[in-house]
Structures are given as structure tokens and as C-alpha cells.
Amino acid sequence: MPTTKSAKKTLKQQQRRGKENQRLRTAYKKAVRYFNENVSLEALSAAYTKIDQAAKNHIIHENKASRLKSQLAKNLKETQKKN
């Protein structure tokens, strides 16, 4: 446990930031899962938004965000070709 006043404050900040990071991480993963279950342009748009938010807040790396978006777009294109 922290003993100094500044260490206590830092712990509280880390906990608060950790909760926000977890919320953003969960949101982008759910959006990707939803897109994989319901491949559509609307789901792709929602997934892009969540992925961009996660990258902006440094939850995931920008290159990972680009890679995910590329994979999702490729998946949509392949699904549309089948239909």
C-alpha cells in the first residue's frame, strides 16, 4: 500500500485510468466480434469507430488498428462476393 500522499493519489489515478482503458478495450473487441457475426457495412462502420478510438487513446498500436480495419474490410469484400 502507498504511504505518501502523492503515492496514494497516483494509485487512484492508475485505477481510474485502468477502468477507462478496460472499457475501451472491451468496446473495440465487442465491435469486432459483432461485425464477424453480422457482416454488414453498418457493423463495419461501428467497428472502425471503436478501433480508431482505441488507437487514439493508445489502447492498441496504430499499426494494429490499421491491420484490424484492413482485415475487416477484406472480410466484408469476400462476403459480398459470395452473395
PDB file of N, CA and C in Angstrom:
ATOM      1  N   MET A   1       0.844  -1.193   0.000  1.00  0.00           N
ATOM      2  CA  MET A   1       0.000   0.000   0.000  1.00  0.00           C
ATOM      3  C   MET A   1       0.883   1.248   0.000  1.00  0.00           C
ATOM      4  N   PRO A   2       0.424   2.273  -0.707  1.00  0.00           N
ATOM      5  CA  PRO A   2       1.193   3.511  -0.748  1.00  0.00           C
ATOM      6  C   PRO A   2       1.161   4.207   0.616  1.00  0.00           C
ATOM      7  N   THR A   3       2.264   4.863   0.930  1.00  0.00           N
ATOM      8  CA  THR A   3       2.324   5.543   2.221  1.00  0.00           C
ATOM      9  C   THR A   3       2.273   7.058   2.079  1.00  0.00           C
ATOM     10  N   THR A   4       2.906   7.591   1.051  1.00  0.00           N
ATOM     11  CA  THR A   4       2.895   9.045   0.894  1.00  0.00           C
ATOM     12  C   THR A   4       1.612   9.504   0.214  1.00  0.00           C
ATOM     13  N   LYS A   5       1.337  10.780   0.389  1.00  0.00           N
ATOM     14  CA  LYS A   5       0.127  11.358  -0.179  1.00  0.00           C
ATOM     15  C   LYS A   5       0.146  11.282  -1.702  1.00  0.00           C
ATOM     16  N   SER A   6       1.290  11.555  -2.302  1.00  0.00           N
ATOM     17  CA  SER A   6       1.387  11.525  -3.761  1.00  0.00           C
ATOM     18  C   SER A   6       1.254  10.099  -4.297  1.00  0.00           C
ATOM     19  N   ALA A   7       1.756   9.125  -3.558  1.00  0.00           N
ATOM     20  CA  ALA A   7       1.639   7.726  -3.983  1.00  0.00           C
ATOM     21  C   ALA A   7       0.182   7.276  -3.927  1.00  0.00           C
ATOM     22  N   LYS A   8      -0.556   7.742  -2.920  1.00  0.00           N
ATOM     23  CA  LYS A   8      -1.978   7.399  -2.816  1.00  0.00           C
ATOM     24  C   LYS A   8      -2.753   7.991  -3.994  1.00  0.00           C
ATOM     25  N   LYS A   9      -2.418   9.243  -4.332  1.00  0.00           N
ATOM     26  CA  LYS A   9      -3.078   9.894  -5.460  1.00  0.00           C
ATOM     27  C   LYS A   9      -2.753   9.167  -6.759  1.00  0.00           C
ATOM     28  N   THR A  10      -1.505   8.784  -6.933  1.00  0.00           N
ATOM     29  CA  THR A  10      -1.091   8.064  -8.140  1.00  0.00           C
ATOM     30  C   THR A  10      -1.833   6.749  -8.266  1.00  0.00           C
ATOM     31  N   LEU A  11      -1.998   6.045  -7.171  1.00  0.00           N
ATOM     32  CA  LEU A  11      -2.727   4.778  -7.193  1.00  0.00           C
ATOM     33  C   LEU A  11      -4.167   4.994  -7.648  1.00  0.00           C
ATOM     34  N   LYS A  12      -4.816   6.040  -7.124  1.00  0.00           N
ATOM     35  CA  LYS A  12      -6.183   6.336  -7.525  1.00  0.00           C
ATOM     36  C   LYS A  12      -6.267   6.678  -9.009  1.00  0.00           C
ATOM     37  N   GLN A  13      -5.279   7.429  -9.500  1.00  0.00           N
ATOM     38  CA  GLN A  13      -5.265   7.787 -10.914  1.00  0.00           C
ATOM     39  C   GLN A  13      -5.095   6.547 -11.789  1.00  0.00           C
ATOM     40  N   GLN A  14      -4.195   5.661 -11.384  1.00  0.00           N
ATOM     41  CA  GLN A  14      -3.952   4.446 -12.150  1.00  0.00           C
ATOM     42  C   GLN A  14      -5.194   3.570 -12.198  1.00  0.00           C
ATOM     43  N   GLN A  15      -5.902   3.481 -11.096  1.00  0.00           N
ATOM     44  CA  GLN A  15      -7.120   2.677 -11.070  1.00  0.00           C
ATOM     45  C   GLN A  15      -8.186   3.267 -11.982  1.00  0.00           C
ATOM     46  N   ARG A  16      -8.328   4.580 -11.937  1.00  0.00           N
ATOM     47  CA  ARG A  16      -9.321   5.257 -12.774  1.00  0.00           C
ATOM     48  C   ARG A  16      -8.967   5.086 -14.249  1.00  0.00           C
ATOM     49  N   ARG A  17      -7.709   5.277 -14.594  1.00  0.00           N
ATOM     50  CA  ARG A  17      -7.275   5.123 -15.985  1.00  0.00           C
ATOM     51  C   ARG A  17      -7.402   3.671 -16.447  1.00  0.00           C
ATOM     52  N   GLY A  18      -7.123   2.750 -15.540  1.00  0.00           N
ATOM     53  CA  GLY A  18      -7.235   1.331 -15.873  1.00  0.00           C
ATOM     54  C   GLY A  18      -8.660   0.944 -16.222  1.00  0.00           C
ATOM     55  N   LYS A  19      -9.623   1.488 -15.492  1.00  0.00           N
ATOM     56  CA  LYS A  19     -11.029   1.210 -15.781  1.00  0.00           C
ATOM     57  C   LYS A  19     -11.422   1.753 -17.152  1.00  0.00           C
ATOM     58  N   GLU A  20     -10.968   2.958 -17.464  1.00  0.00           N
ATOM     59  CA  GLU A  20     -11.284   3.555 -18.754  1.00  0.00           C
ATOM     60  C   GLU A  20     -10.626   2.762 -19.883  1.00  0.00           C
ATOM     61  N   ASN A  21      -9.384   2.362 -19.690  1.00  0.00           N
ATOM     62  CA  ASN A  21      -8.687   1.563 -20.701  1.00  0.00           C
ATOM     63  C   ASN A  21      -9.398   0.234 -20.923  1.00  0.00           C
ATOM     64  N   GLN A  22      -9.842  -0.392 -19.855  1.00  0.00           N
ATOM     65  CA  GLN A  22     -10.544  -1.672 -19.969  1.00  0.00           C
ATOM     66  C   GLN A  22     -11.870  -1.494 -20.716  1.00  0.00           C
ATOM     67  N   ARG A  23     -12.560  -0.382 -20.456  1.00  0.00           N
ATOM     68  CA  ARG A  23     -13.822  -0.098 -21.140  1.00  0.00           C
ATOM     69  C   ARG A  23     -13.597   0.040 -22.646  1.00  0.00           C
ATOM     70  N   LEU A  24     -12.560   0.781 -23.021  1.00  0.00           N
ATOM     71  CA  LEU A  24     -12.270   0.976 -24.440  1.00  0.00           C
ATOM     72  C   LEU A  24     -11.820  -0.327 -25.102  1.00  0.00           C
ATOM     73  N   ARG A  25     -11.015  -1.113 -24.404  1.00  0.00           N
ATOM     74  CA  ARG A  25     -10.529  -2.383 -24.945  1.00  0.00           C
ATOM     75  C   ARG A  25     -11.704  -3.334 -25.186  1.00  0.00           C
ATOM     76  N   THR A  26     -12.592  -3.409 -24.223  1.00  0.00           N
ATOM     77  CA  THR A  26     -13.764  -4.277 -24.347  1.00  0.00           C
ATOM     78  C   THR A  26     -14.666  -3.800 -25.482  1.00  0.00           C
ATOM     79  N   ALA A  27     -14.832  -2.488 -25.613  1.00  0.00           N
ATOM     80  CA  ALA A  27     -15.723  -1.936 -26.637  1.00  0.00           C
ATOM     81  C   ALA A  27     -15.238  -2.276 -28.043  1.00  0.00           C
ATOM     82  N   TYR A  28     -13.941  -2.139 -28.295  1.00  0.00           N
ATOM     83  CA  TYR A  28     -13.476  -2.419 -29.658  1.00  0.00           C
ATOM     84  C   TYR A  28     -13.511  -3.910 -29.947  1.00  0.00           C
ATOM     85  N   LYS A  29     -13.248  -4.740 -28.945  1.00  0.00           N
ATOM     86  CA  LYS A  29     -13.313  -6.189 -29.164  1.00  0.00           C
ATOM     87  C   LYS A  29     -14.751  -6.649 -29.420  1.00  0.00           C
ATOM     88  N   LYS A  30     -15.708  -6.071 -28.698  1.00  0.00           N
ATOM     89  CA  LYS A  30     -17.116  -6.409 -28.917  1.00  0.00           C
ATOM     90  C   LYS A  30     -17.562  -5.981 -30.311  1.00  0.00           C
ATOM     91  N   ALA A  31     -17.108  -4.816 -30.751  1.00  0.00           N
ATOM     92  CA  ALA A  31     -17.477  -4.324 -32.075  1.00  0.00           C
ATOM     93  C   ALA A  31     -16.940  -5.244 -33.166  1.00  0.00           C
ATOM     94  N   VAL A  32     -15.724  -5.733 -32.988  1.00  0.00           N
ATOM     95  CA  VAL A  32     -15.130  -6.652 -33.971  1.00  0.00           C
ATOM     96  C   VAL A  32     -15.895  -7.969 -33.965  1.00  0.00           C
ATOM     97  N   ARG A  33     -16.224  -8.468 -32.778  1.00  0.00           N
ATOM     98  CA  ARG A  33     -16.983  -9.721 -32.680  1.00  0.00           C
ATOM     99  C   ARG A  33     -18.361  -9.570 -33.332  1.00  0.00           C
ATOM    100  N   TYR A  34     -19.015  -8.435 -33.090  1.00  0.00           N
ATOM    101  CA  TYR A  34     -20.333  -8.188 -33.669  1.00  0.00           C
ATOM    102  C   TYR A  34     -20.238  -8.160 -35.195  1.00  0.00           C
ATOM    103  N   PHE A  35     -19.184  -7.530 -35.705  1.00  0.00           N
ATOM    104  CA  PHE A  35     -19.009  -7.486 -37.163  1.00  0.00           C
ATOM    105  C   PHE A  35     -18.813  -8.894 -37.719  1.00  0.00           C
ATOM    106  N   ASN A  36     -18.019  -9.710 -37.049  1.00  0.00           N
ATOM    107  CA  ASN A  36     -17.760 -11.067 -37.531  1.00  0.00           C
ATOM    108  C   ASN A  36     -19.032 -11.914 -37.534  1.00  0.00           C
ATOM    109  N   GLU A  37     -19.953 -11.637 -36.622  1.00  0.00           N
ATOM    110  CA  GLU A  37     -21.216 -12.375 -36.571  1.00  0.00           C
ATOM    111  C   GLU A  37     -22.210 -11.844 -37.607  1.00  0.00           C
ATOM    112  N   ASN A  38     -22.229 -10.512 -37.780  1.00  0.00           N
ATOM    113  CA  ASN A  38     -23.175  -9.868 -38.697  1.00  0.00           C
ATOM    114  C   ASN A  38     -22.388  -9.005 -39.677  1.00  0.00           C
ATOM    115  N   VAL A  39     -21.871  -9.614 -40.705  1.00  0.00           N
ATOM    116  CA  VAL A  39     -21.041  -8.876 -41.657  1.00  0.00           C
ATOM    117  C   VAL A  39     -21.923  -7.924 -42.456  1.00  0.00           C
ATOM    118  N   SER A  40     -21.769  -6.637 -42.180  1.00  0.00           N
ATOM    119  CA  SER A  40     -22.524  -5.615 -42.895  1.00  0.00           C
ATOM    120  C   SER A  40     -21.744  -4.309 -42.878  1.00  0.00           C
ATOM    121  N   LEU A  41     -22.163  -3.392 -43.707  1.00  0.00           N
ATOM    122  CA  LEU A  41     -21.489  -2.103 -43.795  1.00  0.00           C
ATOM    123  C   LEU A  41     -21.669  -1.292 -42.512  1.00  0.00           C
ATOM    124  N   GLU A  42     -22.845  -1.396 -41.886  1.00  0.00           N
ATOM    125  CA  GLU A  42     -23.100  -0.669 -40.642  1.00  0.00           C
ATOM    126  C   GLU A  42     -22.219  -1.190 -39.515  1.00  0.00           C
ATOM    127  N   ALA A  43     -22.082  -2.506 -39.434  1.00  0.00           N
ATOM    128  CA  ALA A  43     -21.236  -3.111 -38.402  1.00  0.00           C
ATOM    129  C   ALA A  43     -19.776  -2.758 -38.645  1.00  0.00           C
ATOM    130  N   LEU A  44     -19.387  -2.680 -39.913  1.00  0.00           N
ATOM    131  CA  LEU A  44     -18.009  -2.304 -40.252  1.00  0.00           C
ATOM    132  C   LEU A  44     -17.733  -0.872 -39.797  1.00  0.00           C
ATOM    133  N   SER A  45     -18.665   0.010 -40.041  1.00  0.00           N
ATOM    134  CA  SER A  45     -18.512   1.407 -39.642  1.00  0.00           C
ATOM    135  C   SER A  45     -18.383   1.536 -38.126  1.00  0.00           C
ATOM    136  N   ALA A  46     -19.212   0.797 -37.393  1.00  0.00           N
ATOM    137  CA  ALA A  46     -19.159   0.834 -35.933  1.00  0.00           C
ATOM    138  C   ALA A  46     -17.833   0.281 -35.429  1.00  0.00           C
ATOM    139  N   ALA A  47     -17.363  -0.791 -36.053  1.00  0.00           N
ATOM    140  CA  ALA A  47     -16.091  -1.388 -35.644  1.00  0.00           C
ATOM    141  C   ALA A  47     -14.943  -0.419 -35.925  1.00  0.00           C
ATOM    142  N   TYR A  48     -14.970   0.242 -37.071  1.00  0.00           N
ATOM    143  CA  TYR A  48     -13.938   1.228 -37.403  1.00  0.00           C
ATOM    144  C   TYR A  48     -13.879   2.323 -36.341  1.00  0.00           C
ATOM    145  N   THR A  49     -15.048   2.798 -35.932  1.00  0.00           N
ATOM    146  CA  THR A  49     -15.109   3.864 -34.935  1.00  0.00           C
ATOM    147  C   THR A  49     -14.474   3.430 -33.629  1.00  0.00           C
ATOM    148  N   LYS A  50     -14.828   2.251 -33.159  1.00  0.00           N
ATOM    149  CA  LYS A  50     -14.294   1.755 -31.890  1.00  0.00           C
ATOM    150  C   LYS A  50     -12.800   1.482 -31.971  1.00  0.00           C
ATOM    151  N   ILE A  51     -12.356   0.947 -33.104  1.00  0.00           N
ATOM    152  CA  ILE A  51     -10.930   0.673 -33.284  1.00  0.00           C
ATOM    153  C   ILE A  51     -10.148   1.986 -33.297  1.00  0.00           C
ATOM    154  N   ASP A  52     -10.670   2.996 -33.988  1.00  0.00           N
ATOM    155  CA  ASP A  52     -10.000   4.294 -34.042  1.00  0.00           C
ATOM    156  C   ASP A  52      -9.925   4.946 -32.660  1.00  0.00           C
ATOM    157  N   GLN A  53     -10.992   4.808 -31.871  1.00  0.00           N
ATOM    158  CA  GLN A  53     -10.978   5.353 -30.515  1.00  0.00           C
ATOM    159  C   GLN A  53      -9.919   4.664 -29.662  1.00  0.00           C
ATOM    160  N   ALA A  54      -9.813   3.357 -29.792  1.00  0.00           N
ATOM    161  CA  ALA A  54      -8.821   2.607 -29.022  1.00  0.00           C
ATOM    162  C   ALA A  54      -7.406   3.017 -29.427  1.00  0.00           C
ATOM    163  N   ALA A  55      -7.185   3.217 -30.718  1.00  0.00           N
ATOM    164  CA  ALA A  55      -5.858   3.623 -31.191  1.00  0.00           C
ATOM    165  C   ALA A  55      -5.537   5.047 -30.736  1.00  0.00           C
ATOM    166  N   LYS A  56      -6.525   5.906 -30.784  1.00  0.00           N
ATOM    167  CA  LYS A  56      -6.316   7.297 -30.384  1.00  0.00           C
ATOM    168  C   LYS A  56      -5.908   7.400 -28.914  1.00  0.00           C
ATOM    169  N   ASN A  57      -6.479   6.545 -28.093  1.00  0.00           N
ATOM    170  CA  ASN A  57      -6.182   6.559 -26.661  1.00  0.00           C
ATOM    171  C   ASN A  57      -5.046   5.610 -26.281  1.00  0.00           C
ATOM    172  N   HIS A  58      -4.318   5.125 -27.281  1.00  0.00           N
ATOM    173  CA  HIS A  58      -3.152   4.267 -27.075  1.00  0.00           C
ATOM    174  C   HIS A  58      -3.471   2.954 -26.366  1.00  0.00           C
ATOM    175  N   ILE A  59      -4.686   2.459 -26.567  1.00  0.00           N
ATOM    176  CA  ILE A  59      -5.054   1.146 -26.038  1.00  0.00           C
ATOM    177  C   ILE A  59      -4.439   0.074 -26.929  1.00  0.00           C
ATOM    178  N   ILE A  60      -4.472   0.331 -28.238  1.00  0.00           N
ATOM    179  CA  ILE A  60      -3.796  -0.533 -29.197  1.00  0.00           C
ATOM    180  C   ILE A  60      -2.904   0.348 -30.058  1.00  0.00           C
ATOM    181  N   HIS A  61      -1.925  -0.256 -30.682  1.00  0.00           N
ATOM    182  CA  HIS A  61      -0.996   0.481 -31.537  1.00  0.00           C
ATOM    183  C   HIS A  61      -1.701   0.882 -32.832  1.00  0.00           C
ATOM    184  N   GLU A  62      -1.270   1.980 -33.411  1.00  0.00           N
ATOM    185  CA  GLU A  62      -1.885   2.468 -34.644  1.00  0.00           C
ATOM    186  C   GLU A  62      -1.769   1.447 -35.765  1.00  0.00           C
ATOM    187  N   ASN A  63      -0.650   0.747 -35.830  1.00  0.00           N
ATOM    188  CA  ASN A  63      -0.480  -0.262 -36.878  1.00  0.00           C
ATOM    189  C   ASN A  63      -1.433  -1.433 -36.675  1.00  0.00           C
ATOM    190  N   LYS A  64      -1.685  -1.798 -35.422  1.00  0.00           N
ATOM    191  CA  LYS A  64      -2.637  -2.871 -35.155  1.00  0.00           C
ATOM    192  C   LYS A  64      -4.035  -2.436 -35.575  1.00  0.00           C
ATOM    193  N   ALA A  65      -4.362  -1.179 -35.308  1.00  0.00           N
ATOM    194  CA  ALA A  65      -5.672  -0.661 -35.713  1.00  0.00           C
ATOM    195  C   ALA A  65      -5.824  -0.731 -37.227  1.00  0.00           C
ATOM    196  N   SER A  66      -4.786  -0.325 -37.946  1.00  0.00           N
ATOM    197  CA  SER A  66      -4.836  -0.376 -39.410  1.00  0.00           C
ATOM    198  C   SER A  66      -4.968  -1.814 -39.894  1.00  0.00           C
ATOM    199  N   ARG A  67      -4.242  -2.710 -39.272  1.00  0.00           N
ATOM    200  CA  ARG A  67      -4.295  -4.121 -39.663  1.00  0.00           C
ATOM    201  C   ARG A  67      -5.687  -4.699 -39.420  1.00  0.00           C
ATOM    202  N   LEU A  68      -6.286  -4.391 -38.273  1.00  0.00           N
ATOM    203  CA  LEU A  68      -7.634  -4.879 -37.965  1.00  0.00           C
ATOM    204  C   LEU A  68      -8.649  -4.352 -38.975  1.00  0.00           C
ATOM    205  N   LYS A  69      -8.566  -3.055 -39.269  1.00  0.00           N
ATOM    206  CA  LYS A  69      -9.506  -2.456 -40.205  1.00  0.00           C
ATOM    207  C   LYS A  69      -9.362  -3.070 -41.590  1.00  0.00           C
ATOM    208  N   SER A  70      -8.134  -3.348 -41.991  1.00  0.00           N
ATOM    209  CA  SER A  70      -7.896  -3.973 -43.281  1.00  0.00           C
ATOM    210  C   SER A  70      -8.492  -5.376 -43.328  1.00  0.00           C
ATOM    211  N   GLN A  71      -8.310  -6.128 -42.269  1.00  0.00           N
ATOM    212  CA  GLN A  71      -8.849  -7.489 -42.211  1.00  0.00           C
ATOM    213  C   GLN A  71     -10.374  -7.480 -42.257  1.00  0.00           C
ATOM    214  N   LEU A  72     -10.980  -6.530 -41.562  1.00  0.00           N
ATOM    215  CA  LEU A  72     -12.442  -6.446 -41.549  1.00  0.00           C
ATOM    216  C   LEU A  72     -12.975  -6.076 -42.934  1.00  0.00           C
ATOM    217  N   ALA A  73     -12.310  -5.135 -43.593  1.00  0.00           N
ATOM    218  CA  ALA A  73     -12.736  -4.737 -44.932  1.00  0.00           C
ATOM    219  C   ALA A  73     -12.598  -5.901 -45.908  1.00  0.00           C
ATOM    220  N   LYS A  74     -11.523  -6.647 -45.775  1.00  0.00           N
ATOM    221  CA  LYS A  74     -11.303  -7.813 -46.633  1.00  0.00           C
ATOM    222  C   LYS A  74     -12.400  -8.851 -46.400  1.00  0.00           C
ATOM    223  N   ASN A  75     -12.760  -9.050 -45.144  1.00  0.00           N
ATOM    224  CA  ASN A  75     -13.819  -9.998 -44.787  1.00  0.00           C
ATOM    225  C   ASN A  75     -15.150  -9.566 -45.400  1.00  0.00           C
ATOM    226  N   LEU A  76     -15.454  -8.280 -45.340  1.00  0.00           N
ATOM    227  CA  LEU A  76     -16.697  -7.760 -45.919  1.00  0.00           C
ATOM    228  C   LEU A  76     -16.711  -7.975 -47.435  1.00  0.00           C
ATOM    229  N   LYS A  77     -15.591  -7.686 -48.078  1.00  0.00           N
ATOM    230  CA  LYS A  77     -15.498  -7.831 -49.535  1.00  0.00           C
ATOM    231  C   LYS A  77     -15.695  -9.280 -49.950  1.00  0.00           C
ATOM    232  N   GLU A  78     -15.079 -10.211 -49.230  1.00  0.00           N
ATOM    233  CA  GLU A  78     -15.212 -11.627 -49.545  1.00  0.00           C
ATOM    234  C   GLU A  78     -16.656 -12.107 -49.347  1.00  0.00           C
ATOM    235  N   THR A  79     -17.290 -11.614 -48.288  1.00  0.00           N
ATOM    236  CA  THR A  79     -18.680 -11.991 -48.016  1.00  0.00           C
ATOM    237  C   THR A  79     -19.602 -11.460 -49.105  1.00  0.00           C
ATOM    238  N   GLN A  80     -19.361 -10.254 -49.574  1.00  0.00           N
ATOM    239  CA  GLN A  80     -20.196  -9.677 -50.624  1.00  0.00           C
ATOM    240  C   GLN A  80     -19.997 -10.411 -51.940  1.00  0.00           C
ATOM    241  N   LYS A  81     -18.798 -10.909 -52.203  1.00  0.00           N
ATOM    242  CA  LYS A  81     -18.560 -11.676 -53.426  1.00  0.00           C
ATOM    243  C   LYS A  81     -19.350 -12.971 -53.447  1.00  0.00           C
ATOM    244  N   LYS A  82     -19.468 -13.610 -52.275  1.00  0.00           N
ATOM    245  CA  LYS A  82     -20.189 -14.883 -52.164  1.00  0.00           C
ATOM    246  C   LYS A  82     -21.671 -14.693 -52.459  1.00  0.00           C
ATOM    247  N   ASN A  83     -22.203 -13.547 -52.054  1.00  0.00           N
ATOM    248  CA  ASN A  83     -23.631 -13.287 -52.216  1.00  0.00           C
ATOM    249  C   ASN A  83     -23.905 -12.659 -53.511  1.00  0.00           C
TER     250      ASN A  83
END
